[in-house]
Amino acid sequence: MEQVLVLIPARDEEANIVSVIQDVRHHLPDADIVVVDDGSEDRTGERARSVGAYVLRHPYNMGYGTALQTGYKHALEKGYDYVIQMDGDGQHDARYLPSLLAKILSGSSNVVIGSRFLDGNGAGYRVPPEKRMGMLLFGAVASGIIRQKVTDPTSGLQALDRRALGYCTSDVYPFDFADADVLVMLYLAGLKIGEVPVTMRASRNGKSRYLSMYSFVTPFYYVFRMGLSISMSLLRRRRTAVEV
């Protein structure tokens, strides 16, 4: 049987992490679970261990992208075939994990995104204006580059196969904002991207996906950084093509 790992990056999520893990156990009982405790100042790691999750801890906060990459490297080292990543704040509903897994197991995609907006599912989902701006802008950019519609480029609910994991553990993986730029990089590396419709809950208190990514301080930096990252991916692909 394929080995499946559910990866949960988390920071200061002691209030939510137990229920998130129990939700995963209910809907995907055969999967292993790893929580990357990214420098939490509360009992996130302790609470995760108390319900049987394997915990990897950063000694201090290193950021969402780094927390994901720590989990990816662990998955490859331990021989997992597939990783499903989700947030630790309860926003992602584990009942959709089997749908992501089925899509990735079909072999039609190397990366599967759980989309809030596919098939009109996001009609009632409220998004802060600054986040909505980034979603629309980089969704359009990513869709144009990969030549298919990407409806939810900022979704943290994703499934990846070993080929995608191998690329995401390389030095080109972004360590701050891992969103549309990753999809572009994976596409330029020859990987296939798919989506499945999901619904999401409103974010609870906590710092999964590290809500400061879309706080009032960072939207302009986020737009600049994401644009730069996508541009570098395109330049890297062009240089590689010339060298070949």
Protein backbone atom coordinates (compact mmCIF):
# COMPACT_ATOMS: atom_id res chain seq x y z
CA MET A 1 0.00 0.00 0.00
CA GLU A 2 1.06 3.57 -0.61
CA GLN A 3 2.39 5.37 2.44
CA VAL A 4 0.49 8.59 3.15
CA LEU A 5 1.57 11.34 5.52
CA VAL A 6 -0.63 14.21 6.67
CA LEU A 7 1.59 17.24 7.30
CA ILE A 8 0.39 19.99 9.64
CA PRO A 9 2.61 23.07 10.08
CA ALA A 10 1.56 24.85 13.25
CA ARG A 11 2.52 27.75 15.48
CA ASP A 12 0.77 28.51 18.76
CA GLU A 13 -2.17 26.22 18.02
CA GLU A 14 -2.63 24.43 21.35
CA ALA A 15 -6.32 25.35 21.34
CA ASN A 16 -6.98 23.72 17.96
CA ILE A 17 -4.35 21.09 17.19
CA VAL A 18 -5.97 18.19 19.06
CA SER A 19 -9.32 18.55 17.28
CA VAL A 20 -7.53 18.91 13.92
CA ILE A 21 -5.59 15.68 14.49
CA GLN A 22 -8.71 13.83 15.66
CA ASP A 23 -10.54 15.04 12.56
CA VAL A 24 -7.77 13.63 10.37
CA ARG A 25 -7.84 10.31 12.23
CA HIS A 26 -11.59 10.05 11.64
CA HIS A 27 -11.50 10.68 7.90
CA LEU A 28 -8.10 9.19 6.98
CA PRO A 29 -7.38 6.59 9.68
CA ASP A 30 -4.57 4.80 7.82
CA ALA A 31 -2.44 7.91 7.30
CA ASP A 32 0.41 8.94 9.57
CA ILE A 33 0.42 12.48 10.96
CA VAL A 34 3.35 14.81 11.53
CA VAL A 35 3.06 18.24 13.12
CA VAL A 36 5.84 20.73 12.48
CA ASP A 37 5.85 22.92 15.57
CA ASP A 38 7.37 26.12 14.23
CA GLY A 39 8.74 27.71 17.38
CA SER A 40 5.46 27.78 19.30
CA GLU A 41 5.41 29.60 22.60
CA ASP A 42 2.54 27.47 23.89
CA ARG A 43 1.95 23.70 24.23
CA THR A 44 1.23 22.97 20.57
CA GLY A 45 3.82 20.19 20.33
CA GLU A 46 2.89 18.66 23.67
CA ARG A 47 -0.80 18.62 22.77
CA ALA A 48 -0.09 17.07 19.37
CA ARG A 49 1.99 14.28 20.94
CA SER A 50 -0.77 13.59 23.46
CA VAL A 51 -3.03 12.35 20.65
CA GLY A 52 -0.37 10.35 18.84
CA ALA A 53 1.05 12.73 16.22
CA TYR A 54 4.76 12.73 15.48
CA VAL A 55 6.16 16.19 16.20
CA LEU A 56 9.10 17.95 14.56
CA ARG A 57 10.03 21.15 16.38
CA HIS A 58 11.84 24.24 15.19
CA PRO A 59 13.65 25.95 18.10
CA TYR A 60 12.29 29.29 16.92
CA ASN A 61 9.80 30.54 14.34
CA MET A 62 11.28 29.95 10.87
CA GLY A 63 8.22 30.65 8.74
CA TYR A 64 5.48 28.76 6.95
CA GLY A 65 7.52 27.73 3.91
CA THR A 66 10.36 26.40 6.05
CA ALA A 67 7.90 24.47 8.23
CA LEU A 68 6.45 22.85 5.11
CA GLN A 69 9.89 21.97 3.77
CA THR A 70 10.86 20.38 7.08
CA GLY A 71 7.82 18.13 6.71
CA TYR A 72 8.59 17.38 3.06
CA LYS A 73 12.15 16.32 3.90
CA HIS A 74 10.89 14.11 6.70
CA ALA A 75 8.41 12.47 4.32
CA LEU A 76 11.09 11.69 1.74
CA GLU A 77 13.53 10.38 4.33
CA LYS A 78 10.90 8.07 5.80
CA GLY A 79 9.76 6.76 2.41
CA TYR A 80 6.27 8.22 2.19
CA ASP A 81 4.71 8.17 -1.27
CA TYR A 82 2.27 11.04 -0.76
CA VAL A 83 1.86 14.02 1.54
CA ILE A 84 -1.35 15.89 2.26
CA GLN A 85 -0.71 19.25 3.90
CA MET A 86 -3.27 21.18 5.91
CA ASP A 87 -3.34 24.00 8.42
CA GLY A 88 -3.43 23.53 12.18
CA ASP A 89 -6.09 26.12 13.00
CA GLY A 90 -9.13 24.08 11.99
CA GLN A 91 -9.87 26.03 8.81
CA HIS A 92 -9.38 22.95 6.63
CA ASP A 93 -12.02 20.25 6.89
CA ALA A 94 -10.48 16.78 7.00
CA ARG A 95 -13.51 15.21 5.31
CA TYR A 96 -11.99 16.38 2.01
CA LEU A 97 -8.69 14.57 2.55
CA PRO A 98 -9.93 11.35 0.87
CA SER A 99 -10.89 13.41 -2.22
CA LEU A 100 -7.41 14.91 -2.46
CA LEU A 101 -5.86 11.51 -1.92
CA ALA A 102 -8.03 9.88 -4.60
CA LYS A 103 -7.05 12.57 -7.11
CA ILE A 104 -3.34 12.21 -6.43
CA LEU A 105 -3.57 8.40 -6.47
CA SER A 106 -5.17 8.53 -9.92
CA GLY A 107 -1.86 9.75 -11.33
CA SER A 108 -3.47 12.63 -13.21
CA SER A 109 -1.65 15.24 -11.11
CA ASN A 110 1.56 15.57 -9.13
CA VAL A 111 0.02 18.31 -6.99
CA VAL A 112 -3.66 18.58 -6.06
CA ILE A 113 -5.09 21.79 -4.59
CA GLY A 114 -8.17 21.85 -2.39
CA SER A 115 -10.01 24.81 -3.92
CA ARG A 116 -12.62 26.92 -2.15
CA PHE A 117 -13.76 28.41 -5.44
CA LEU A 118 -13.95 25.45 -7.83
CA ASP A 119 -17.49 24.63 -9.02
CA GLY A 120 -18.84 27.76 -7.35
CA ASN A 121 -18.20 26.47 -3.82
CA GLY A 122 -16.83 29.75 -2.50
CA ALA A 123 -19.96 31.87 -2.83
CA GLY A 124 -20.30 32.21 0.94
CA TYR A 125 -16.63 32.26 1.83
CA ARG A 126 -15.48 35.67 3.05
CA VAL A 127 -11.93 36.72 2.23
CA PRO A 128 -10.25 39.88 3.59
CA PRO A 129 -9.83 42.47 0.81
CA GLU A 130 -6.03 42.41 0.90
CA LYS A 131 -5.95 38.61 0.65
CA ARG A 132 -8.58 38.62 -2.08
CA MET A 133 -6.43 41.04 -4.07
CA GLY A 134 -3.47 38.69 -3.91
CA MET A 135 -5.60 35.67 -4.77
CA LEU A 136 -7.08 37.32 -7.85
CA LEU A 137 -3.82 38.79 -9.07
CA PHE A 138 -1.63 35.75 -8.69
CA GLY A 139 -4.39 33.34 -9.61
CA ALA A 140 -4.57 35.12 -12.95
CA VAL A 141 -0.78 35.15 -13.32
CA ALA A 142 -0.42 31.48 -12.42
CA SER A 143 -3.31 30.48 -14.66
CA GLY A 144 -1.71 32.28 -17.61
CA ILE A 145 1.69 30.69 -17.06
CA ILE A 146 0.57 27.12 -16.48
CA ARG A 147 -2.12 27.37 -19.16
CA GLN A 148 -4.97 26.15 -17.01
CA LYS A 149 -7.36 27.80 -14.61
CA VAL A 150 -6.14 27.98 -11.04
CA THR A 151 -9.07 28.99 -8.86
CA ASP A 152 -7.42 28.99 -5.42
CA PRO A 153 -3.65 29.65 -5.61
CA THR A 154 -3.31 30.49 -1.91
CA SER A 155 -4.94 27.31 -0.60
CA GLY A 156 -2.80 25.54 1.99
CA LEU A 157 -4.80 22.32 1.58
CA GLN A 158 -2.80 20.31 -0.95
CA ALA A 159 -1.64 16.80 -1.81
CA LEU A 160 1.79 16.06 -3.33
CA ASP A 161 3.43 12.97 -4.76
CA ARG A 162 7.11 12.03 -4.36
CA ARG A 163 8.12 13.83 -7.52
CA ALA A 164 6.65 17.08 -6.23
CA LEU A 165 8.17 16.46 -2.80
CA GLY A 166 11.60 16.05 -4.36
CA TYR A 167 11.33 19.41 -6.05
CA CYS A 168 9.94 21.14 -2.96
CA THR A 169 12.93 20.04 -0.90
CA SER A 170 15.36 21.76 -3.29
CA ASP A 171 17.04 25.12 -2.72
CA VAL A 172 14.66 26.92 -5.10
CA TYR A 173 11.67 26.41 -2.79
CA PRO A 174 10.55 29.76 -1.26
CA PHE A 175 10.83 29.99 2.50
CA ASP A 176 8.49 32.92 3.20
CA PHE A 177 5.37 32.89 0.99
CA ALA A 178 4.71 29.48 -0.54
CA ASP A 179 1.69 30.09 -2.77
CA ALA A 180 1.26 30.74 -6.49
CA ASP A 181 5.02 30.89 -7.00
CA VAL A 182 5.33 27.24 -6.00
CA LEU A 183 2.66 26.22 -8.49
CA VAL A 184 4.52 28.08 -11.24
CA MET A 185 7.84 26.47 -10.28
CA LEU A 186 6.32 23.00 -10.23
CA TYR A 187 4.69 23.52 -13.63
CA LEU A 188 7.95 24.79 -15.14
CA ALA A 189 9.64 21.68 -13.76
CA GLY A 190 7.20 19.54 -15.76
CA LEU A 191 4.76 18.61 -13.02
CA LYS A 192 1.00 18.46 -13.41
CA ILE A 193 -1.37 20.44 -11.20
CA GLY A 194 -5.00 19.64 -10.43
CA GLU A 195 -7.77 20.89 -8.15
CA VAL A 196 -10.67 19.37 -6.25
CA PRO A 197 -13.56 21.37 -4.75
CA VAL A 198 -13.64 21.82 -0.97
CA THR A 199 -15.29 24.08 1.53
CA MET A 200 -13.38 25.71 4.36
CA ARG A 201 -14.30 27.04 7.76
CA ALA A 202 -13.52 30.55 8.93
CA SER A 203 -10.04 30.79 10.43
CA ARG A 204 -9.86 30.32 14.18
CA ASN A 205 -7.43 32.01 16.52
CA GLY A 206 -3.81 30.98 16.04
CA LYS A 207 -0.97 31.45 13.62
CA SER A 208 -1.19 28.59 11.12
CA ARG A 209 -0.32 29.86 7.68
CA TYR A 210 0.91 32.63 9.97
CA LEU A 211 -1.86 35.11 9.51
CA SER A 212 0.64 37.97 9.34
CA MET A 213 1.15 36.93 5.72
CA TYR A 214 -2.00 38.90 4.97
CA SER A 215 -2.00 41.44 7.79
CA PHE A 216 -2.27 45.16 7.15
CA VAL A 217 1.54 45.46 7.28
CA THR A 218 2.48 42.96 4.59
CA PRO A 219 0.13 43.00 1.55
CA PHE A 220 2.38 45.20 -0.55
CA TYR A 221 5.47 43.23 0.39
CA TYR A 222 3.59 40.02 -0.37
CA VAL A 223 2.67 41.26 -3.85
CA PHE A 224 6.26 42.38 -4.47
CA ARG A 225 7.79 39.17 -3.12
CA MET A 226 5.41 36.88 -4.99
CA GLY A 227 5.94 38.76 -8.25
CA LEU A 228 9.71 38.55 -7.79
CA SER A 229 9.59 34.84 -7.02
CA ILE A 230 7.48 34.08 -10.11
CA SER A 231 9.77 36.23 -12.27
CA MET A 232 12.84 34.38 -10.99
CA SER A 233 11.20 31.05 -11.80
CA LEU A 234 10.56 32.19 -15.37
CA LEU A 235 14.12 33.50 -15.75
CA ARG A 236 15.54 30.30 -14.31
CA ARG A 237 13.52 28.23 -16.78
CA ARG A 238 14.62 30.45 -19.68
CA ARG A 239 18.29 30.22 -18.69
CA THR A 240 18.08 26.45 -18.37
CA ALA A 241 16.48 26.20 -21.83
CA VAL A 242 19.27 28.32 -23.35
CA GLU A 243 21.97 26.24 -21.66
CA VAL A 244 20.41 23.01 -22.94
